[in-house]
N, C-alpha and C. Protein backbone atom coordinates (compact mmCIF):
# COMPACT_ATOMS: atom_id res chain seq x y z
N MET A 1 -9.69 -16.68 -2.65
CA MET A 1 -10.06 -16.26 -1.23
C MET A 1 -11.10 -17.34 -0.66
N LYS A 2 -11.12 -17.24 0.63
CA LYS A 2 -12.04 -18.05 1.28
C LYS A 2 -13.43 -17.35 1.34
N LYS A 3 -14.50 -18.22 1.82
CA LYS A 3 -15.81 -17.74 1.83
C LYS A 3 -16.02 -16.50 2.90
N TRP A 4 -15.17 -16.69 3.99
CA TRP A 4 -15.45 -15.81 4.98
C TRP A 4 -14.82 -14.36 4.52
N ASN A 5 -13.68 -14.38 3.59
CA ASN A 5 -12.94 -13.11 3.05
C ASN A 5 -14.05 -12.56 2.27
N TRP A 6 -14.65 -13.18 1.51
CA TRP A 6 -15.73 -12.53 0.57
C TRP A 6 -16.92 -11.91 1.33
N THR A 7 -17.05 -12.64 2.19
CA THR A 7 -18.19 -12.07 3.25
C THR A 7 -17.75 -10.71 3.82
N LEU A 8 -16.53 -10.62 4.25
CA LEU A 8 -15.92 -9.36 4.82
C LEU A 8 -15.88 -8.32 3.79
N VAL A 9 -15.44 -8.66 2.70
CA VAL A 9 -15.41 -7.42 1.55
C VAL A 9 -16.82 -7.15 1.19
N LEU A 10 -17.80 -7.93 1.04
CA LEU A 10 -19.08 -7.56 0.76
C LEU A 10 -19.68 -6.76 1.89
N LEU A 11 -19.63 -6.97 3.06
CA LEU A 11 -20.15 -6.22 4.36
C LEU A 11 -19.55 -4.84 4.33
N VAL A 12 -18.13 -4.63 4.13
CA VAL A 12 -17.40 -3.42 4.18
C VAL A 12 -18.16 -2.61 3.02
N LEU A 13 -18.28 -3.34 1.83
CA LEU A 13 -18.77 -2.36 0.73
C LEU A 13 -20.19 -1.91 0.88
N ILE A 14 -21.09 -2.84 1.55
CA ILE A 14 -22.35 -2.50 2.06
C ILE A 14 -22.32 -1.49 3.01
N GLY A 15 -21.39 -1.42 3.82
CA GLY A 15 -21.17 -0.54 5.05
C GLY A 15 -20.85 0.88 4.42
N PHE A 16 -19.91 0.98 3.49
CA PHE A 16 -19.61 2.12 2.68
C PHE A 16 -20.99 2.80 1.90
N VAL A 17 -21.66 2.08 1.26
CA VAL A 17 -22.77 2.47 0.39
C VAL A 17 -23.75 3.07 1.31
N ILE A 18 -24.31 2.11 2.48
CA ILE A 18 -25.32 2.69 3.36
C ILE A 18 -24.96 3.89 4.01
N GLY A 19 -23.70 3.95 4.39
CA GLY A 19 -23.10 5.09 5.25
C GLY A 19 -23.03 6.31 4.29
N ARG A 20 -22.77 6.04 3.08
CA ARG A 20 -22.77 7.41 2.02
C ARG A 20 -24.25 7.75 1.85
N PHE A 21 -25.08 6.95 1.79
CA PHE A 21 -26.53 7.21 1.61
C PHE A 21 -26.97 8.00 2.85
N ILE A 22 -26.68 7.57 4.05
CA ILE A 22 -27.00 8.26 5.27
C ILE A 22 -26.50 9.62 5.41
N GLY A 23 -25.14 9.65 5.03
CA GLY A 23 -24.56 11.06 4.84
C GLY A 23 -25.10 12.04 3.87
N THR A 24 -25.57 11.49 2.70
CA THR A 24 -26.11 12.34 1.87
C THR A 24 -27.42 12.64 2.18
N TYR A 25 -28.30 11.77 2.89
CA TYR A 25 -29.64 12.09 3.31
C TYR A 25 -29.56 13.27 4.58
N PHE A 26 -28.64 13.26 5.46
CA PHE A 26 -28.30 14.13 6.45
C PHE A 26 -27.36 15.35 5.92
N SER A 27 -27.44 15.68 4.86
CA SER A 27 -26.51 16.64 4.35
C SER A 27 -26.59 17.99 5.12
N GLY A 28 -25.42 18.51 5.27
CA GLY A 28 -25.34 19.83 6.11
C GLY A 28 -25.06 19.47 7.59
N THR A 29 -25.11 18.11 8.06
CA THR A 29 -24.93 17.87 9.47
C THR A 29 -23.31 17.19 9.52
N TRP A 30 -22.96 16.81 10.65
CA TRP A 30 -21.79 16.34 10.99
C TRP A 30 -21.58 15.01 10.30
N LEU A 31 -22.46 14.30 9.95
CA LEU A 31 -22.53 12.93 9.24
C LEU A 31 -22.13 13.04 7.85
N ASP A 32 -22.15 14.31 7.25
CA ASP A 32 -21.80 14.40 5.91
C ASP A 32 -20.50 15.04 5.70
N TYR A 33 -19.81 15.34 6.79
CA TYR A 33 -18.40 15.94 6.77
C TYR A 33 -17.47 14.70 6.21
N GLY A 34 -16.57 15.05 5.30
CA GLY A 34 -15.75 14.13 4.90
C GLY A 34 -14.85 14.60 3.62
N GLN A 35 -14.15 13.67 2.87
CA GLN A 35 -13.16 14.05 2.13
C GLN A 35 -13.18 13.27 0.76
N THR A 36 -12.98 13.95 -0.41
CA THR A 36 -13.10 13.28 -1.56
C THR A 36 -11.65 13.30 -2.09
N PHE A 37 -11.12 12.10 -2.73
CA PHE A 37 -9.91 12.19 -3.28
C PHE A 37 -9.84 11.16 -4.53
N GLY A 38 -8.84 11.45 -5.37
CA GLY A 38 -8.82 10.73 -6.59
C GLY A 38 -8.53 11.60 -7.71
N LEU A 39 -8.77 11.28 -9.05
CA LEU A 39 -8.67 11.99 -10.15
C LEU A 39 -9.76 12.97 -10.41
N SER A 40 -9.51 14.37 -10.39
CA SER A 40 -10.61 15.26 -10.57
C SER A 40 -11.04 15.26 -12.13
N SER A 41 -10.11 14.77 -12.89
CA SER A 41 -10.71 14.68 -14.39
C SER A 41 -10.14 13.40 -15.01
N PRO A 42 -11.02 12.82 -15.81
CA PRO A 42 -10.57 11.47 -16.23
C PRO A 42 -9.27 11.63 -17.10
N VAL A 43 -8.36 10.51 -16.97
CA VAL A 43 -7.37 10.28 -18.01
C VAL A 43 -7.66 9.63 -19.31
N VAL A 44 -7.36 10.24 -20.44
CA VAL A 44 -7.88 9.62 -21.68
C VAL A 44 -6.33 9.29 -22.46
N LEU A 45 -6.64 7.90 -22.89
CA LEU A 45 -5.52 7.21 -23.64
C LEU A 45 -6.05 6.90 -24.96
N ASP A 46 -5.71 7.86 -25.93
CA ASP A 46 -6.04 7.66 -27.46
C ASP A 46 -4.90 6.88 -28.20
N LEU A 47 -5.28 5.52 -28.62
CA LEU A 47 -4.41 4.87 -29.42
C LEU A 47 -4.61 4.80 -30.86
N GLY A 48 -5.54 5.43 -31.33
CA GLY A 48 -5.88 5.66 -32.56
C GLY A 48 -6.98 4.74 -33.01
N PHE A 49 -7.00 3.43 -32.67
CA PHE A 49 -8.10 2.48 -32.95
C PHE A 49 -9.13 2.27 -31.84
N ILE A 50 -8.50 2.74 -30.61
CA ILE A 50 -9.22 2.61 -29.40
C ILE A 50 -8.92 3.65 -28.39
N ILE A 51 -9.94 4.35 -27.78
CA ILE A 51 -9.82 5.35 -26.81
C ILE A 51 -10.38 4.76 -25.38
N LEU A 52 -9.31 4.95 -24.59
CA LEU A 52 -9.75 4.53 -23.00
C LEU A 52 -9.77 5.75 -22.31
N THR A 53 -10.78 5.70 -21.43
CA THR A 53 -11.03 6.90 -20.53
C THR A 53 -11.08 6.20 -19.02
N LEU A 54 -9.96 6.57 -18.18
CA LEU A 54 -9.87 6.12 -16.91
C LEU A 54 -10.09 7.26 -15.78
N GLY A 55 -10.95 6.97 -14.76
CA GLY A 55 -10.78 7.74 -13.65
C GLY A 55 -11.38 7.09 -12.44
N LEU A 56 -10.92 7.42 -11.31
CA LEU A 56 -11.45 7.06 -9.96
C LEU A 56 -11.47 8.15 -9.14
N GLN A 57 -12.75 8.23 -8.28
CA GLN A 57 -12.84 9.05 -7.19
C GLN A 57 -13.51 8.60 -6.15
N ILE A 58 -12.89 8.62 -5.06
CA ILE A 58 -13.34 8.11 -3.70
C ILE A 58 -13.82 9.14 -2.96
N SER A 59 -15.02 8.95 -2.15
CA SER A 59 -15.60 9.98 -1.27
C SER A 59 -15.86 9.38 0.14
N ILE A 60 -15.24 9.78 0.99
CA ILE A 60 -15.48 9.09 2.31
C ILE A 60 -15.97 10.06 3.23
N ASN A 61 -17.12 9.97 4.08
CA ASN A 61 -17.67 10.89 5.06
C ASN A 61 -17.72 10.02 6.47
N ILE A 62 -18.01 10.75 7.49
CA ILE A 62 -18.32 10.37 8.86
C ILE A 62 -19.21 9.00 8.75
N ALA A 63 -20.42 9.26 8.22
CA ALA A 63 -21.42 8.13 8.18
C ALA A 63 -20.99 6.91 7.49
N SER A 64 -20.01 7.09 6.51
CA SER A 64 -19.47 5.92 5.81
C SER A 64 -18.48 5.01 6.71
N VAL A 65 -17.72 5.82 7.43
CA VAL A 65 -16.75 5.25 8.40
C VAL A 65 -17.62 4.39 9.54
N ILE A 66 -18.74 5.09 9.95
CA ILE A 66 -19.63 4.51 10.92
C ILE A 66 -20.05 3.25 10.36
N GLY A 67 -20.79 3.28 9.09
CA GLY A 67 -21.24 2.04 8.41
C GLY A 67 -20.13 0.97 8.27
N VAL A 68 -18.77 1.30 8.04
CA VAL A 68 -17.93 0.30 8.07
C VAL A 68 -17.53 -0.35 9.30
N ILE A 69 -17.60 0.41 10.35
CA ILE A 69 -17.42 -0.05 11.72
C ILE A 69 -18.52 -1.07 12.20
N ILE A 70 -19.76 -0.71 11.79
CA ILE A 70 -20.77 -1.52 12.07
C ILE A 70 -20.69 -2.80 11.43
N ALA A 71 -20.22 -2.75 9.98
CA ALA A 71 -20.15 -4.02 9.20
C ALA A 71 -19.06 -4.82 9.70
N LEU A 72 -17.92 -4.28 10.39
CA LEU A 72 -17.00 -5.07 11.16
C LEU A 72 -17.56 -5.78 12.29
N VAL A 73 -18.42 -5.17 13.01
CA VAL A 73 -18.95 -5.72 14.17
C VAL A 73 -19.82 -6.91 13.67
N VAL A 74 -20.75 -6.69 12.75
CA VAL A 74 -21.63 -7.70 12.10
C VAL A 74 -20.69 -8.73 11.84
N TYR A 75 -19.67 -8.62 11.04
CA TYR A 75 -18.76 -9.64 10.56
C TYR A 75 -18.21 -10.61 11.79
N ARG A 76 -17.88 -9.87 12.78
CA ARG A 76 -17.42 -10.48 13.94
C ARG A 76 -18.26 -11.39 14.66
N PHE A 77 -19.54 -11.00 14.66
CA PHE A 77 -20.66 -11.80 15.25
C PHE A 77 -21.09 -12.93 14.37
N ILE A 78 -20.99 -12.96 13.07
CA ILE A 78 -21.41 -13.96 12.04
C ILE A 78 -20.31 -14.95 11.99
N ARG A 79 -19.16 -14.50 12.37
CA ARG A 79 -17.89 -15.36 12.08
C ARG A 79 -17.78 -16.39 13.23
């Protein structure tokens, strides 16, 4: 990937993290409203000599969506 693509990915991840933090800080408000999806319990694969535990859960709220939008605007200005 090019340098600018990595910058976009990094900015979007930062937008999600900061948005999630803001949504958690203002819990009980409209910013914290969101959806969680993924595996509710981890999947365990026992092969006898190695045990793998796999799981993924994604939680998106309004503040994280706003954070991603701001990250995209910032990316547009620095590009």
